[in-house]
Amino acid sequence: MKMIIAVIQDKDSSRLTDALAENNFQSTKLATTGGFLKAGNTTLMIGCNDESVDEALEIIKDNCSQREQMVAPISPMGGNADSYIPKPVKVEVGGATVFILPVESYFQF
């Protein structure tokens, strides 16, 4: 048995959880915050049998699109400095960061 932990953008969470449910995958949704953009994202925990991992990964890949977004960089002085005028930069966001962990045991009460 495996535990898939997928960190995705909030914009993709409804589409992905619907697709997982349609394919009989159960997931737990956690609201999380990313460190780089300081923006909200969603972390899904998906438990599945070893032979279902590839199918789950394909569903995640098909439902989490990458896109570009303009963001203002954080001040190099550790906060908002009046003399620092940030130039927005284009960064790639979206997609999914996925971790697959072995599950030693599983209980449901």
N, C-alpha and C. Protein backbone atom coordinates (compact mmCIF):
# COMPACT_ATOMS: atom_id res chain seq x y z
N MET A 1 0.85 -1.18 0.00
CA MET A 1 0.00 0.00 0.00
C MET A 1 0.89 1.23 0.00
N LYS A 2 0.42 2.30 -0.65
CA LYS A 2 1.16 3.54 -0.76
C LYS A 2 0.30 4.72 -0.32
N MET A 3 0.99 5.78 0.16
CA MET A 3 0.35 7.05 0.46
C MET A 3 0.92 8.05 -0.54
N ILE A 4 0.03 8.60 -1.36
CA ILE A 4 0.44 9.62 -2.32
C ILE A 4 0.09 10.97 -1.70
N ILE A 5 1.07 11.84 -1.61
CA ILE A 5 0.86 13.20 -1.12
C ILE A 5 1.11 14.13 -2.30
N ALA A 6 0.07 14.83 -2.73
CA ALA A 6 0.16 15.71 -3.89
C ALA A 6 -0.10 17.15 -3.47
N VAL A 7 0.86 18.02 -3.72
CA VAL A 7 0.71 19.44 -3.44
C VAL A 7 0.36 20.11 -4.77
N ILE A 8 -0.84 20.73 -4.80
CA ILE A 8 -1.35 21.30 -6.05
C ILE A 8 -1.86 22.72 -5.80
N GLN A 9 -2.11 23.44 -6.88
CA GLN A 9 -2.68 24.78 -6.74
C GLN A 9 -4.16 24.68 -6.41
N ASP A 10 -4.65 25.65 -5.63
CA ASP A 10 -6.07 25.67 -5.27
C ASP A 10 -6.98 25.60 -6.49
N LYS A 11 -6.56 26.25 -7.58
CA LYS A 11 -7.39 26.29 -8.80
C LYS A 11 -7.64 24.90 -9.37
N ASP A 12 -6.75 23.95 -9.09
CA ASP A 12 -6.87 22.60 -9.64
C ASP A 12 -7.55 21.63 -8.69
N SER A 13 -7.80 22.03 -7.44
CA SER A 13 -8.22 21.06 -6.43
C SER A 13 -9.59 20.44 -6.70
N SER A 14 -10.57 21.24 -7.07
CA SER A 14 -11.91 20.68 -7.32
C SER A 14 -11.91 19.71 -8.48
N ARG A 15 -11.24 20.12 -9.57
CA ARG A 15 -11.19 19.26 -10.76
C ARG A 15 -10.49 17.93 -10.43
N LEU A 16 -9.40 18.01 -9.67
CA LEU A 16 -8.67 16.78 -9.34
C LEU A 16 -9.44 15.89 -8.38
N THR A 17 -10.02 16.45 -7.33
CA THR A 17 -10.76 15.60 -6.39
C THR A 17 -11.95 14.95 -7.05
N ASP A 18 -12.62 15.65 -7.99
CA ASP A 18 -13.72 15.05 -8.74
C ASP A 18 -13.22 13.89 -9.60
N ALA A 19 -12.10 14.10 -10.28
CA ALA A 19 -11.56 13.04 -11.15
C ALA A 19 -11.11 11.84 -10.33
N LEU A 20 -10.50 12.08 -9.18
CA LEU A 20 -10.10 10.96 -8.32
C LEU A 20 -11.32 10.18 -7.85
N ALA A 21 -12.37 10.88 -7.42
CA ALA A 21 -13.59 10.21 -6.94
C ALA A 21 -14.25 9.40 -8.05
N GLU A 22 -14.26 9.95 -9.27
CA GLU A 22 -14.85 9.22 -10.41
C GLU A 22 -14.12 7.91 -10.68
N ASN A 23 -12.84 7.86 -10.31
CA ASN A 23 -12.03 6.65 -10.53
C ASN A 23 -11.83 5.85 -9.23
N ASN A 24 -12.72 6.08 -8.25
CA ASN A 24 -12.76 5.32 -6.99
C ASN A 24 -11.51 5.48 -6.12
N PHE A 25 -10.88 6.66 -6.17
CA PHE A 25 -9.79 6.98 -5.25
C PHE A 25 -10.35 7.90 -4.18
N GLN A 26 -10.08 7.55 -2.93
CA GLN A 26 -10.49 8.41 -1.82
C GLN A 26 -9.32 9.31 -1.47
N SER A 27 -9.63 10.57 -1.13
CA SER A 27 -8.56 11.50 -0.79
C SER A 27 -8.98 12.36 0.39
N THR A 28 -7.98 12.87 1.08
CA THR A 28 -8.18 13.83 2.17
C THR A 28 -7.53 15.13 1.72
N LYS A 29 -8.29 16.22 1.82
CA LYS A 29 -7.84 17.52 1.33
C LYS A 29 -7.40 18.40 2.50
N LEU A 30 -6.19 18.95 2.40
CA LEU A 30 -5.65 19.84 3.42
C LEU A 30 -5.34 21.20 2.80
N ALA A 31 -5.71 22.27 3.47
CA ALA A 31 -5.36 23.62 3.01
C ALA A 31 -3.95 23.92 3.50
N THR A 32 -3.05 24.26 2.58
CA THR A 32 -1.66 24.52 2.93
C THR A 32 -1.20 25.81 2.27
N THR A 33 -0.03 26.28 2.65
CA THR A 33 0.53 27.51 2.09
C THR A 33 1.94 27.23 1.60
N GLY A 34 2.23 27.66 0.38
CA GLY A 34 3.55 27.46 -0.19
C GLY A 34 4.56 28.46 0.36
N GLY A 35 5.82 28.07 0.38
CA GLY A 35 6.86 28.93 0.91
C GLY A 35 7.36 29.97 -0.06
N PHE A 36 7.41 29.66 -1.35
CA PHE A 36 7.99 30.58 -2.32
C PHE A 36 7.07 31.74 -2.64
N LEU A 37 5.85 31.44 -3.05
CA LEU A 37 4.91 32.50 -3.43
C LEU A 37 4.06 32.98 -2.26
N LYS A 38 4.16 32.31 -1.13
CA LYS A 38 3.34 32.64 0.04
C LYS A 38 1.85 32.62 -0.31
N ALA A 39 1.49 31.74 -1.20
CA ALA A 39 0.10 31.64 -1.67
C ALA A 39 -0.50 30.32 -1.21
N GLY A 40 -1.82 30.31 -1.09
CA GLY A 40 -2.52 29.10 -0.68
C GLY A 40 -2.42 28.03 -1.74
N ASN A 41 -2.31 26.81 -1.29
CA ASN A 41 -2.39 25.66 -2.19
C ASN A 41 -3.12 24.55 -1.46
N THR A 42 -3.24 23.43 -2.10
CA THR A 42 -3.97 22.30 -1.54
C THR A 42 -3.05 21.09 -1.51
N THR A 43 -3.08 20.36 -0.42
CA THR A 43 -2.34 19.11 -0.33
C THR A 43 -3.35 17.98 -0.21
N LEU A 44 -3.26 17.01 -1.10
CA LEU A 44 -4.15 15.85 -1.08
C LEU A 44 -3.37 14.63 -0.59
N MET A 45 -3.97 13.88 0.30
CA MET A 45 -3.42 12.60 0.74
C MET A 45 -4.31 11.52 0.14
N ILE A 46 -3.69 10.63 -0.63
CA ILE A 46 -4.43 9.59 -1.35
C ILE A 46 -3.81 8.24 -1.01
N GLY A 47 -4.57 7.39 -0.36
CA GLY A 47 -4.11 6.05 -0.07
C GLY A 47 -4.55 5.11 -1.18
N CYS A 48 -3.63 4.25 -1.65
CA CYS A 48 -4.03 3.30 -2.70
C CYS A 48 -3.12 2.07 -2.67
N ASN A 49 -3.57 1.04 -3.34
CA ASN A 49 -2.78 -0.17 -3.49
C ASN A 49 -1.61 0.10 -4.43
N ASP A 50 -0.55 -0.69 -4.28
CA ASP A 50 0.64 -0.49 -5.09
C ASP A 50 0.34 -0.49 -6.59
N GLU A 51 -0.55 -1.38 -7.01
CA GLU A 51 -0.84 -1.49 -8.45
C GLU A 51 -1.68 -0.32 -8.99
N SER A 52 -2.20 0.53 -8.12
CA SER A 52 -3.02 1.66 -8.55
C SER A 52 -2.26 2.99 -8.59
N VAL A 53 -1.00 2.97 -8.20
CA VAL A 53 -0.22 4.21 -8.13
C VAL A 53 -0.11 4.89 -9.50
N ASP A 54 0.21 4.12 -10.54
CA ASP A 54 0.37 4.71 -11.87
C ASP A 54 -0.92 5.36 -12.36
N GLU A 55 -2.05 4.74 -12.09
CA GLU A 55 -3.34 5.31 -12.49
C GLU A 55 -3.60 6.62 -11.74
N ALA A 56 -3.31 6.63 -10.45
CA ALA A 56 -3.50 7.85 -9.65
C ALA A 56 -2.59 8.97 -10.15
N LEU A 57 -1.34 8.65 -10.47
CA LEU A 57 -0.41 9.66 -10.98
C LEU A 57 -0.88 10.23 -12.32
N GLU A 58 -1.43 9.38 -13.16
CA GLU A 58 -1.94 9.85 -14.45
C GLU A 58 -3.12 10.80 -14.26
N ILE A 59 -3.99 10.50 -13.32
CA ILE A 59 -5.13 11.39 -13.03
C ILE A 59 -4.62 12.74 -12.51
N ILE A 60 -3.63 12.70 -11.64
CA ILE A 60 -3.06 13.95 -11.12
C ILE A 60 -2.45 14.75 -12.26
N LYS A 61 -1.67 14.10 -13.09
CA LYS A 61 -1.01 14.77 -14.22
C LYS A 61 -2.02 15.39 -15.17
N ASP A 62 -3.11 14.69 -15.44
CA ASP A 62 -4.12 15.17 -16.39
C ASP A 62 -4.94 16.34 -15.85
N ASN A 63 -4.98 16.52 -14.54
CA ASN A 63 -5.87 17.53 -13.95
C ASN A 63 -5.16 18.69 -13.27
N CYS A 64 -3.86 18.72 -13.31
CA CYS A 64 -3.10 19.81 -12.68
C CYS A 64 -2.22 20.48 -13.73
N SER A 65 -2.71 21.56 -14.30
CA SER A 65 -2.01 22.22 -15.38
C SER A 65 -1.01 23.25 -14.87
N GLN A 66 0.09 23.40 -15.61
CA GLN A 66 1.06 24.44 -15.30
C GLN A 66 0.70 25.69 -16.08
N ARG A 67 0.93 26.86 -15.47
CA ARG A 67 0.65 28.14 -16.12
C ARG A 67 1.64 29.17 -15.61
N GLU A 68 1.72 30.29 -16.31
CA GLU A 68 2.62 31.36 -15.88
C GLU A 68 1.83 32.42 -15.14
N GLN A 69 2.48 33.03 -14.14
CA GLN A 69 1.82 34.04 -13.32
C GLN A 69 2.85 35.13 -13.01
N MET A 70 2.41 36.38 -13.02
CA MET A 70 3.28 37.50 -12.66
C MET A 70 3.22 37.68 -11.15
N VAL A 71 4.39 37.77 -10.51
CA VAL A 71 4.45 37.99 -9.07
C VAL A 71 5.48 39.07 -8.77
N ALA A 72 5.25 39.80 -7.70
CA ALA A 72 6.21 40.80 -7.23
C ALA A 72 7.16 40.13 -6.25
N PRO A 73 8.46 40.21 -6.50
CA PRO A 73 9.40 39.58 -5.57
C PRO A 73 9.39 40.24 -4.20
N ILE A 74 9.77 39.48 -3.20
CA ILE A 74 9.84 39.99 -1.83
C ILE A 74 11.08 40.87 -1.70
N SER A 75 10.98 41.91 -0.93
CA SER A 75 12.09 42.84 -0.71
C SER A 75 13.31 42.09 -0.18
N PRO A 76 14.51 42.43 -0.69
CA PRO A 76 15.72 41.77 -0.18
C PRO A 76 16.02 42.19 1.26
N MET A 77 15.30 43.20 1.77
CA MET A 77 15.53 43.66 3.13
C MET A 77 14.57 43.00 4.12
N GLY A 78 13.88 41.96 3.66
CA GLY A 78 13.05 41.17 4.57
C GLY A 78 11.67 41.74 4.84
N GLY A 79 11.16 42.58 4.01
CA GLY A 79 9.83 43.14 4.22
C GLY A 79 9.57 44.21 3.18
N ASN A 80 8.58 45.02 3.40
CA ASN A 80 8.29 46.10 2.48
C ASN A 80 9.17 47.30 2.82
N ALA A 81 10.07 47.63 1.94
CA ALA A 81 10.92 48.80 2.14
C ALA A 81 10.43 49.89 1.19
N ASP A 82 10.34 51.10 1.68
CA ASP A 82 9.81 52.20 0.86
C ASP A 82 10.65 52.46 -0.38
N SER A 83 11.96 52.26 -0.30
CA SER A 83 12.83 52.56 -1.44
C SER A 83 12.92 51.41 -2.43
N TYR A 84 12.37 50.29 -2.10
CA TYR A 84 12.44 49.11 -2.97
C TYR A 84 11.19 49.02 -3.82
N ILE A 85 11.37 49.13 -5.14
CA ILE A 85 10.24 49.03 -6.06
C ILE A 85 10.43 47.73 -6.85
N PRO A 86 9.66 46.72 -6.50
CA PRO A 86 9.86 45.42 -7.15
C PRO A 86 9.34 45.43 -8.58
N LYS A 87 10.07 44.78 -9.45
CA LYS A 87 9.64 44.58 -10.83
C LYS A 87 9.00 43.20 -10.88
N PRO A 88 7.74 43.12 -11.29
CA PRO A 88 7.10 41.80 -11.36
C PRO A 88 7.87 40.85 -12.27
N VAL A 89 7.92 39.61 -11.86
CA VAL A 89 8.59 38.58 -12.65
C VAL A 89 7.59 37.49 -12.97
N LYS A 90 7.82 36.85 -14.09
CA LYS A 90 6.94 35.77 -14.53
C LYS A 90 7.49 34.45 -13.99
N VAL A 91 6.64 33.71 -13.27
CA VAL A 91 7.04 32.40 -12.74
C VAL A 91 6.03 31.35 -13.19
N GLU A 92 6.50 30.12 -13.26
CA GLU A 92 5.62 29.01 -13.62
C GLU A 92 4.98 28.47 -12.35
N VAL A 93 3.67 28.38 -12.34
CA VAL A 93 2.94 27.86 -11.19
C VAL A 93 2.05 26.71 -11.66
N GLY A 94 1.49 26.03 -10.71
CA GLY A 94 0.58 24.94 -11.05
C GLY A 94 1.32 23.62 -11.16
N GLY A 95 0.70 22.70 -11.83
CA GLY A 95 1.26 21.36 -11.87
C GLY A 95 1.05 20.69 -10.52
N ALA A 96 1.90 19.77 -10.21
CA ALA A 96 1.79 19.05 -8.94
C ALA A 96 3.16 18.62 -8.47
N THR A 97 3.37 18.66 -7.17
CA THR A 97 4.54 18.07 -6.55
C THR A 97 4.03 16.87 -5.79
N VAL A 98 4.54 15.70 -6.14
CA VAL A 98 3.97 14.45 -5.63
C VAL A 98 5.03 13.64 -4.89
N PHE A 99 4.64 13.16 -3.71
CA PHE A 99 5.49 12.27 -2.91
C PHE A 99 4.74 10.94 -2.78
N ILE A 100 5.47 9.84 -2.90
CA ILE A 100 4.87 8.52 -2.73
C ILE A 100 5.61 7.82 -1.60
N LEU A 101 4.84 7.48 -0.57
CA LEU A 101 5.41 6.88 0.63
C LEU A 101 4.85 5.48 0.86
N PRO A 102 5.66 4.55 1.35
CA PRO A 102 5.14 3.23 1.70
C PRO A 102 4.29 3.32 2.97
N VAL A 103 3.23 2.52 3.03
CA VAL A 103 2.37 2.47 4.22
C VAL A 103 2.60 1.12 4.87
N GLU A 104 3.08 1.15 6.10
CA GLU A 104 3.36 -0.09 6.81
C GLU A 104 2.08 -0.77 7.27
N SER A 105 1.15 0.02 7.79
CA SER A 105 -0.15 -0.53 8.20
C SER A 105 -1.21 0.55 8.07
N TYR A 106 -2.45 0.10 8.04
CA TYR A 106 -3.59 1.00 7.82
C TYR A 106 -4.74 0.51 8.69
N PHE A 107 -5.34 1.44 9.42
CA PHE A 107 -6.48 1.11 10.28
C PHE A 107 -7.62 2.07 9.99
N GLN A 108 -8.82 1.58 10.04
CA GLN A 108 -10.01 2.40 9.89
C GLN A 108 -10.98 2.02 10.99
N PHE A 109 -11.33 2.97 11.84
CA PHE A 109 -12.19 2.68 12.98
C PHE A 109 -13.57 3.28 12.78
